[in-house]
């Protein structure tokens, strides 16, 4: 049922479905790539099972760290802080701005929870693959993931990220985007209302 918040069991079942899908996709890749992807799925599943027992972290954190892009960062969007219900809400928002899609594939590991929440919105017989990630910085993780898919060549692909630190590629939709580099801010003018 669309819009219903899934139980933890349903989310875990969806991760199991994604695991089977991943095995099918990585049949043409070296065993090491499949192993890394599957290991990530197992870790995501374990995290979701532990979530009910652990304290929720802050979504936005002031911390020095190295982003997936390799660039240093001074603030982090910690998507592990989001619950399955949060991801379900983001999926509900996203489908209102997305074209129809036949399947949603999560970029390891950040895209798995949102991908699982989006599965209920798939359109039967639609060939478009929706590639999902949690945070876009440069898009390197998403591009690398797409290049590794066996079914990607010739298949229509669109992208979705929950948060974008920078402007994403034109084929990627961001639910929430950080402002770009500093530019002079316009001031309110009465005519603007």
Protein backbone atom coordinates (compact mmCIF):
# COMPACT_ATOMS: atom_id res chain seq x y z
CA UNK A 1 0.00 0.00 0.00
CA UNK A 2 1.55 3.32 -1.08
CA UNK A 3 2.28 5.78 1.68
CA UNK A 4 2.19 3.20 4.47
CA UNK A 5 5.23 3.11 6.73
CA UNK A 6 6.84 -0.30 6.33
CA UNK A 7 7.67 -2.46 9.29
CA UNK A 8 11.29 -3.29 9.98
CA UNK A 9 10.57 -6.79 8.69
CA UNK A 10 9.34 -5.40 5.34
CA UNK A 11 12.44 -3.23 4.99
CA UNK A 12 14.69 -6.23 5.74
CA UNK A 13 12.75 -8.32 3.21
CA UNK A 14 13.30 -5.58 0.62
CA UNK A 15 17.04 -5.61 1.36
CA UNK A 16 16.95 -9.38 0.76
CA UNK A 17 15.25 -8.72 -2.62
CA UNK A 18 17.91 -6.15 -3.44
CA UNK A 19 20.57 -8.72 -2.54
CA UNK A 20 19.15 -11.14 -5.11
CA UNK A 21 18.98 -8.33 -7.68
CA UNK A 22 22.61 -7.39 -6.94
CA UNK A 23 23.80 -10.96 -7.49
CA UNK A 24 22.10 -10.93 -10.90
CA UNK A 25 23.65 -7.54 -11.83
CA UNK A 26 27.18 -8.44 -10.84
CA UNK A 27 27.37 -11.75 -12.69
CA UNK A 28 29.66 -10.15 -15.29
CA UNK A 29 31.97 -8.44 -12.78
CA UNK A 30 34.94 -9.93 -10.97
CA UNK A 31 34.10 -11.83 -7.82
CA UNK A 32 35.76 -9.12 -5.68
CA UNK A 33 33.21 -6.46 -6.77
CA UNK A 34 30.26 -8.71 -6.05
CA UNK A 35 31.75 -9.56 -2.66
CA UNK A 36 32.13 -5.90 -1.71
CA UNK A 37 28.55 -5.13 -2.74
CA UNK A 38 27.11 -8.13 -0.90
CA UNK A 39 29.17 -7.38 2.20
CA UNK A 40 27.76 -3.86 2.16
CA UNK A 41 24.20 -5.17 1.90
CA UNK A 42 24.78 -7.45 4.87
CA UNK A 43 26.18 -4.55 6.90
CA UNK A 44 23.21 -2.36 5.97
CA UNK A 45 20.86 -5.11 7.06
CA UNK A 46 22.67 -5.47 10.39
CA UNK A 47 22.56 -1.69 10.94
CA UNK A 48 18.82 -1.60 10.35
CA UNK A 49 18.31 -4.49 12.78
CA UNK A 50 20.38 -2.67 15.43
CA UNK A 51 18.60 0.62 14.83
CA UNK A 52 15.82 -0.16 17.27
CA UNK A 53 18.42 -0.67 20.00
CA UNK A 54 20.73 2.26 19.35
CA UNK A 55 20.52 5.94 20.01
CA UNK A 56 19.80 8.14 17.01
CA UNK A 57 22.75 10.25 15.80
CA UNK A 58 22.45 13.78 14.47
CA UNK A 59 21.67 14.11 10.78
CA UNK A 60 23.81 17.21 10.33
CA UNK A 61 27.18 17.07 12.05
CA UNK A 62 30.02 19.55 12.47
CA UNK A 63 33.02 17.28 11.97
CA UNK A 64 36.25 17.11 9.98
CA UNK A 65 36.26 14.08 7.71
CA UNK A 66 37.12 12.87 4.21
CA UNK A 67 34.13 12.58 1.86
CA UNK A 68 33.66 9.66 -0.57
CA UNK A 69 34.92 12.04 -3.26
CA UNK A 70 38.23 12.25 -1.41
CA UNK A 71 37.72 15.91 -0.57
CA UNK A 72 37.98 17.12 3.02
CA UNK A 73 34.78 18.24 4.68
CA UNK A 74 33.96 20.20 7.83
CA UNK A 75 30.30 19.17 8.05
CA UNK A 76 28.62 15.89 7.33
CA UNK A 77 25.15 14.71 6.44
CA UNK A 78 24.98 11.49 8.47
CA UNK A 79 22.23 9.55 6.74
CA UNK A 80 22.68 6.60 9.10
CA UNK A 81 20.71 8.81 11.52
CA UNK A 82 17.59 8.41 9.37
CA UNK A 83 15.10 5.71 10.33
CA UNK A 84 13.22 3.45 7.91
CA UNK A 85 10.21 5.75 8.45
CA UNK A 86 12.35 8.76 7.45
CA UNK A 87 13.43 6.99 4.25
CA UNK A 88 9.81 6.06 3.58
CA UNK A 89 8.82 9.71 3.89
CA UNK A 90 11.63 10.77 1.53
CA UNK A 91 10.52 8.12 -0.98
CA UNK A 92 6.96 9.42 -0.82
CA UNK A 93 8.20 12.95 -1.52
CA UNK A 94 10.52 11.77 -4.31
CA UNK A 95 7.94 9.95 -6.41
CA UNK A 96 6.02 13.18 -6.81
CA UNK A 97 9.00 14.60 -8.74
CA UNK A 98 10.26 11.54 -10.59
CA UNK A 99 9.34 9.97 -13.91
CA UNK A 100 8.04 6.38 -13.80
CA UNK A 101 10.72 3.76 -13.11
CA UNK A 102 10.81 -0.02 -13.29
CA UNK A 103 13.35 -0.62 -10.55
CA UNK A 104 15.42 1.35 -8.06
CA UNK A 105 19.03 0.38 -7.40
CA UNK A 106 20.92 1.81 -4.44
CA UNK A 107 24.54 2.88 -4.74
CA UNK A 108 26.53 0.95 -2.13
CA UNK A 109 25.87 1.66 0.79
CA UNK A 110 24.32 5.09 0.98
CA UNK A 111 21.54 4.41 -1.51
CA UNK A 112 20.24 1.14 -0.14
CA UNK A 113 17.72 2.40 2.42
CA UNK A 114 16.10 4.90 0.03
CA UNK A 115 16.12 2.32 -2.76
CA UNK A 116 14.31 -0.15 -0.50
CA UNK A 117 11.69 2.47 0.38
CA UNK A 118 11.15 3.31 -3.31
CA UNK A 119 10.42 -0.25 -4.45
CA UNK A 120 6.70 0.05 -3.69
CA UNK A 121 6.46 2.85 -6.28
CA UNK A 122 7.84 0.86 -9.23
CA UNK A 123 5.91 0.93 -12.50
CA UNK A 124 5.42 -2.53 -14.06
CA UNK A 125 6.89 -2.94 -17.55
CA UNK A 126 8.87 0.31 -17.26
CA UNK A 127 12.46 -0.09 -18.46
CA UNK A 128 13.84 2.99 -16.66
CA UNK A 129 16.30 2.22 -13.87
CA UNK A 130 16.33 4.68 -10.98
CA UNK A 131 19.81 4.83 -9.42
CA UNK A 132 19.67 6.14 -5.86
CA UNK A 133 22.22 7.54 -3.40
CA UNK A 134 21.96 9.39 -0.12
CA UNK A 135 24.35 12.32 -0.70
CA UNK A 136 25.71 13.79 -3.97
CA UNK A 137 29.04 15.57 -3.82
CA UNK A 138 30.69 15.00 -7.20
CA UNK A 139 28.63 12.09 -8.49
CA UNK A 140 31.64 9.80 -8.69
CA UNK A 141 30.06 7.01 -6.62
CA UNK A 142 26.90 7.03 -8.71
CA UNK A 143 28.76 7.01 -12.04
CA UNK A 144 31.06 4.20 -10.89
CA UNK A 145 28.08 2.15 -9.76
CA UNK A 146 26.27 2.60 -13.09
CA UNK A 147 29.36 1.66 -15.06
CA UNK A 148 29.54 -1.61 -13.10
CA UNK A 149 25.96 -2.69 -13.82
CA UNK A 150 25.48 -5.47 -16.35
CA UNK A 151 22.07 -4.12 -17.42
CA UNK A 152 23.02 -0.46 -17.74
CA UNK A 153 24.12 -0.28 -21.42
CA UNK A 154 21.21 1.02 -23.48
CA UNK A 155 18.79 1.16 -20.56
CA UNK A 156 17.26 4.53 -19.64
CA UNK A 157 18.69 5.65 -16.31
CA UNK A 158 17.64 8.49 -14.06
CA UNK A 159 19.11 9.35 -10.69
CA UNK A 160 17.87 10.46 -7.29
CA UNK A 161 19.72 11.68 -4.20
CA UNK A 162 18.27 12.70 -0.87
CA UNK A 163 20.80 15.51 -0.38
CA UNK A 164 23.13 17.29 -2.80
CA UNK A 165 26.17 19.15 -1.51
CA UNK A 166 26.65 20.55 -5.04
CA UNK A 167 24.51 20.83 -8.16
CA UNK A 168 23.91 17.29 -9.43
CA UNK A 169 24.08 16.18 -13.07
CA UNK A 170 21.00 17.08 -15.16
CA UNK A 171 19.76 13.45 -15.07
CA UNK A 172 19.79 13.40 -11.24
CA UNK A 173 17.03 14.80 -9.03
CA UNK A 174 17.99 16.05 -5.54
CA UNK A 175 15.30 16.22 -2.86
CA UNK A 176 17.32 18.75 -0.83
CA UNK A 177 20.20 20.81 -2.17
CA UNK A 178 22.79 22.90 -0.35
CA UNK A 179 23.27 26.39 -1.74
CA UNK A 180 26.10 26.87 -4.22
CA UNK A 181 29.19 28.99 -3.71
CA UNK A 182 28.64 32.36 -2.12
CA UNK A 183 27.17 34.95 -4.43
CA UNK A 184 25.84 38.39 -3.61
CA UNK A 185 22.46 37.96 -2.00
CA UNK A 186 19.63 39.98 -3.50
CA UNK A 187 17.61 42.09 -1.11
CA UNK A 188 13.86 42.16 -0.83
CA UNK A 189 12.13 44.58 -3.15
CA UNK A 190 8.43 45.34 -2.85
CA UNK A 191 7.85 44.34 -6.50
CA UNK A 192 9.21 40.85 -5.77
CA UNK A 193 6.13 39.87 -3.78
